[in-house]
Amino acid sequence: MKQFILYGTVGCHLCEDAEALLAPLLNEQCEIECIDISDDDQLLDRYGELIPVLRRVGDGAELNWPFASEKTRDFLFE
């Protein structure tokens, strides 16, 4: 199973948009964990201006917002 992390914050409208965009692309082969960066100073420093950010756990590759659906699909399933 491919694992991903979606970095964001609670109440971020872009993060909500990212979750909505990702939802129909997910299947039983992908798992996405949402992490609120506001609880971690290091994550906040790293991603504060960039969220939402989708990170592929296997190789650490990251996809920054805005997520174009074709680019996101390729990122999830390559």
N, C-alpha and C. Protein backbone atom coordinates (compact mmCIF):
# COMPACT_ATOMS: atom_id res chain seq x y z
N MET A 1 0.84 -1.18 0.00
CA MET A 1 0.00 0.00 0.00
C MET A 1 0.88 1.25 0.00
N LYS A 2 0.58 2.17 -0.87
CA LYS A 2 1.32 3.43 -0.93
C LYS A 2 0.80 4.35 0.18
N GLN A 3 1.74 5.00 0.84
CA GLN A 3 1.38 5.89 1.95
C GLN A 3 1.81 7.31 1.63
N PHE A 4 0.94 8.24 2.03
CA PHE A 4 1.17 9.66 1.79
C PHE A 4 0.83 10.44 3.05
N ILE A 5 1.42 11.62 3.15
CA ILE A 5 1.10 12.56 4.22
C ILE A 5 0.65 13.85 3.56
N LEU A 6 -0.46 14.38 4.04
CA LEU A 6 -0.92 15.69 3.60
C LEU A 6 -0.69 16.66 4.75
N TYR A 7 0.26 17.56 4.57
CA TYR A 7 0.55 18.57 5.58
C TYR A 7 -0.36 19.77 5.38
N GLY A 8 -0.93 20.25 6.48
CA GLY A 8 -1.83 21.39 6.42
C GLY A 8 -2.15 21.88 7.82
N THR A 9 -3.20 22.67 7.92
CA THR A 9 -3.69 23.13 9.22
C THR A 9 -5.21 23.07 9.23
N VAL A 10 -5.75 22.98 10.42
CA VAL A 10 -7.20 22.98 10.58
C VAL A 10 -7.72 24.37 10.20
N GLY A 11 -8.78 24.42 9.42
CA GLY A 11 -9.38 25.68 9.03
C GLY A 11 -8.76 26.32 7.80
N CYS A 12 -7.77 25.69 7.21
CA CYS A 12 -7.13 26.21 5.99
C CYS A 12 -8.01 25.82 4.79
N HIS A 13 -8.54 26.81 4.09
CA HIS A 13 -9.45 26.48 2.98
C HIS A 13 -8.71 25.80 1.83
N LEU A 14 -7.44 26.10 1.62
CA LEU A 14 -6.68 25.42 0.58
C LEU A 14 -6.46 23.94 0.95
N CYS A 15 -6.23 23.68 2.23
CA CYS A 15 -6.06 22.30 2.70
C CYS A 15 -7.36 21.51 2.52
N GLU A 16 -8.48 22.16 2.79
CA GLU A 16 -9.78 21.52 2.57
C GLU A 16 -9.99 21.24 1.08
N ASP A 17 -9.58 22.18 0.24
CA ASP A 17 -9.68 21.97 -1.21
C ASP A 17 -8.80 20.79 -1.65
N ALA A 18 -7.60 20.69 -1.07
CA ALA A 18 -6.69 19.60 -1.41
C ALA A 18 -7.30 18.25 -1.01
N GLU A 19 -7.88 18.18 0.18
CA GLU A 19 -8.52 16.94 0.63
C GLU A 19 -9.66 16.55 -0.31
N ALA A 20 -10.44 17.53 -0.72
CA ALA A 20 -11.56 17.26 -1.63
C ALA A 20 -11.06 16.79 -2.99
N LEU A 21 -9.97 17.34 -3.46
CA LEU A 21 -9.39 16.93 -4.74
C LEU A 21 -8.83 15.51 -4.66
N LEU A 22 -8.22 15.18 -3.53
CA LEU A 22 -7.60 13.86 -3.37
C LEU A 22 -8.61 12.74 -3.15
N ALA A 23 -9.70 13.04 -2.50
CA ALA A 23 -10.68 12.01 -2.12
C ALA A 23 -11.10 11.10 -3.28
N PRO A 24 -11.50 11.63 -4.44
CA PRO A 24 -11.93 10.73 -5.51
C PRO A 24 -10.78 9.97 -6.18
N LEU A 25 -9.54 10.37 -5.93
CA LEU A 25 -8.39 9.71 -6.54
C LEU A 25 -7.89 8.52 -5.70
N LEU A 26 -8.34 8.47 -4.46
CA LEU A 26 -7.86 7.43 -3.55
C LEU A 26 -8.55 6.10 -3.84
N ASN A 27 -7.84 5.05 -3.57
CA ASN A 27 -8.41 3.72 -3.66
C ASN A 27 -7.80 2.88 -2.55
N GLU A 28 -8.09 1.61 -2.55
CA GLU A 28 -7.59 0.74 -1.49
C GLU A 28 -6.07 0.56 -1.52
N GLN A 29 -5.40 1.08 -2.53
CA GLN A 29 -3.95 0.96 -2.64
C GLN A 29 -3.22 2.19 -2.09
N CYS A 30 -3.96 3.21 -1.68
CA CYS A 30 -3.35 4.45 -1.19
C CYS A 30 -3.92 4.81 0.17
N GLU A 31 -3.04 5.30 1.02
CA GLU A 31 -3.45 5.76 2.35
C GLU A 31 -2.86 7.15 2.56
N ILE A 32 -3.69 8.08 2.97
CA ILE A 32 -3.21 9.44 3.23
C ILE A 32 -3.49 9.81 4.68
N GLU A 33 -2.43 10.24 5.36
CA GLU A 33 -2.55 10.71 6.73
C GLU A 33 -2.46 12.24 6.69
N CYS A 34 -3.42 12.90 7.31
CA CYS A 34 -3.40 14.37 7.39
C CYS A 34 -2.70 14.77 8.68
N ILE A 35 -1.71 15.65 8.54
CA ILE A 35 -0.95 16.12 9.70
C ILE A 35 -1.10 17.63 9.80
N ASP A 36 -1.51 18.08 10.99
CA ASP A 36 -1.66 19.50 11.27
C ASP A 36 -0.30 20.05 11.69
N ILE A 37 0.29 20.89 10.86
CA ILE A 37 1.63 21.40 11.12
C ILE A 37 1.67 22.40 12.27
N SER A 38 0.53 22.93 12.67
CA SER A 38 0.52 23.95 13.73
C SER A 38 0.91 23.37 15.08
N ASP A 39 0.93 22.04 15.20
CA ASP A 39 1.29 21.38 16.45
C ASP A 39 2.79 21.10 16.56
N ASP A 40 3.56 21.43 15.52
CA ASP A 40 4.98 21.08 15.49
C ASP A 40 5.77 22.25 14.90
N ASP A 41 6.62 22.86 15.71
CA ASP A 41 7.37 24.04 15.28
C ASP A 41 8.25 23.77 14.06
N GLN A 42 8.88 22.60 14.00
CA GLN A 42 9.74 22.28 12.86
C GLN A 42 8.92 22.17 11.57
N LEU A 43 7.77 21.50 11.66
CA LEU A 43 6.91 21.39 10.47
C LEU A 43 6.36 22.75 10.07
N LEU A 44 6.02 23.56 11.05
CA LEU A 44 5.50 24.90 10.78
C LEU A 44 6.55 25.75 10.07
N ASP A 45 7.80 25.67 10.52
CA ASP A 45 8.89 26.40 9.87
C ASP A 45 9.10 25.92 8.44
N ARG A 46 9.03 24.60 8.24
CA ARG A 46 9.30 24.03 6.92
C ARG A 46 8.17 24.24 5.93
N TYR A 47 6.92 24.06 6.37
CA TYR A 47 5.78 24.05 5.45
C TYR A 47 4.81 25.23 5.61
N GLY A 48 5.05 26.10 6.56
CA GLY A 48 4.09 27.15 6.89
C GLY A 48 3.57 27.95 5.71
N GLU A 49 4.45 28.32 4.80
CA GLU A 49 4.05 29.13 3.64
C GLU A 49 3.65 28.28 2.44
N LEU A 50 3.84 26.98 2.53
CA LEU A 50 3.65 26.11 1.37
C LEU A 50 2.37 25.28 1.41
N ILE A 51 1.74 25.14 2.56
CA ILE A 51 0.62 24.20 2.69
C ILE A 51 -0.53 24.56 1.76
N PRO A 52 -1.20 23.53 1.32
CA PRO A 52 -1.01 22.11 1.60
C PRO A 52 0.12 21.50 0.78
N VAL A 53 0.77 20.52 1.38
CA VAL A 53 1.85 19.78 0.72
C VAL A 53 1.56 18.29 0.86
N LEU A 54 1.64 17.57 -0.24
CA LEU A 54 1.44 16.13 -0.24
C LEU A 54 2.81 15.46 -0.33
N ARG A 55 3.11 14.58 0.61
CA ARG A 55 4.42 13.91 0.66
C ARG A 55 4.24 12.41 0.49
N ARG A 56 5.01 11.84 -0.40
CA ARG A 56 5.00 10.39 -0.60
C ARG A 56 5.99 9.79 0.41
N VAL A 57 5.49 8.92 1.29
CA VAL A 57 6.31 8.38 2.38
C VAL A 57 7.46 7.54 1.84
N GLY A 58 7.24 6.73 0.83
CA GLY A 58 8.25 5.80 0.33
C GLY A 58 9.56 6.45 -0.08
N ASP A 59 9.49 7.56 -0.79
CA ASP A 59 10.72 8.19 -1.29
C ASP A 59 10.87 9.65 -0.85
N GLY A 60 9.90 10.17 -0.10
CA GLY A 60 10.00 11.54 0.40
C GLY A 60 9.68 12.62 -0.62
N ALA A 61 9.26 12.23 -1.82
CA ALA A 61 8.92 13.23 -2.85
C ALA A 61 7.72 14.04 -2.37
N GLU A 62 7.72 15.32 -2.73
CA GLU A 62 6.64 16.21 -2.30
C GLU A 62 6.00 16.91 -3.49
N LEU A 63 4.71 17.14 -3.35
CA LEU A 63 3.94 17.86 -4.35
C LEU A 63 3.33 19.07 -3.66
N ASN A 64 3.67 20.25 -4.15
CA ASN A 64 3.17 21.49 -3.55
C ASN A 64 1.88 21.94 -4.22
N TRP A 65 1.08 22.67 -3.46
CA TRP A 65 -0.14 23.27 -3.96
C TRP A 65 0.20 24.34 -4.95
N PRO A 66 -0.55 24.56 -6.00
CA PRO A 66 -1.84 23.91 -6.30
C PRO A 66 -1.63 22.55 -6.98
N PHE A 67 -2.50 21.62 -6.63
CA PHE A 67 -2.46 20.28 -7.22
C PHE A 67 -3.31 20.29 -8.48
N ALA A 68 -2.69 20.10 -9.63
CA ALA A 68 -3.43 19.89 -10.87
C ALA A 68 -3.82 18.42 -10.89
N SER A 69 -5.04 18.10 -11.25
CA SER A 69 -5.53 16.73 -11.11
C SER A 69 -4.68 15.71 -11.85
N GLU A 70 -4.22 16.00 -13.06
CA GLU A 70 -3.37 15.06 -13.80
C GLU A 70 -2.03 14.86 -13.10
N LYS A 71 -1.43 15.95 -12.66
CA LYS A 71 -0.14 15.89 -11.97
C LYS A 71 -0.29 15.12 -10.65
N THR A 72 -1.36 15.35 -9.95
CA THR A 72 -1.62 14.66 -8.69
C THR A 72 -1.84 13.17 -8.92
N ARG A 73 -2.60 12.83 -9.93
CA ARG A 73 -2.84 11.42 -10.26
C ARG A 73 -1.52 10.73 -10.58
N ASP A 74 -0.67 11.37 -11.36
CA ASP A 74 0.64 10.80 -11.68
C ASP A 74 1.48 10.62 -10.41
N PHE A 75 1.44 11.61 -9.53
CA PHE A 75 2.20 11.58 -8.28
C PHE A 75 1.75 10.42 -7.39
N LEU A 76 0.45 10.21 -7.32
CA LEU A 76 -0.10 9.14 -6.48
C LEU A 76 0.19 7.76 -7.03
N PHE A 77 0.15 7.61 -8.33
CA PHE A 77 0.18 6.27 -8.90
C PHE A 77 1.44 5.91 -9.68
N GLU A 78 2.49 6.74 -9.63
CA GLU A 78 3.72 6.38 -10.35
C GLU A 78 4.49 5.33 -9.62
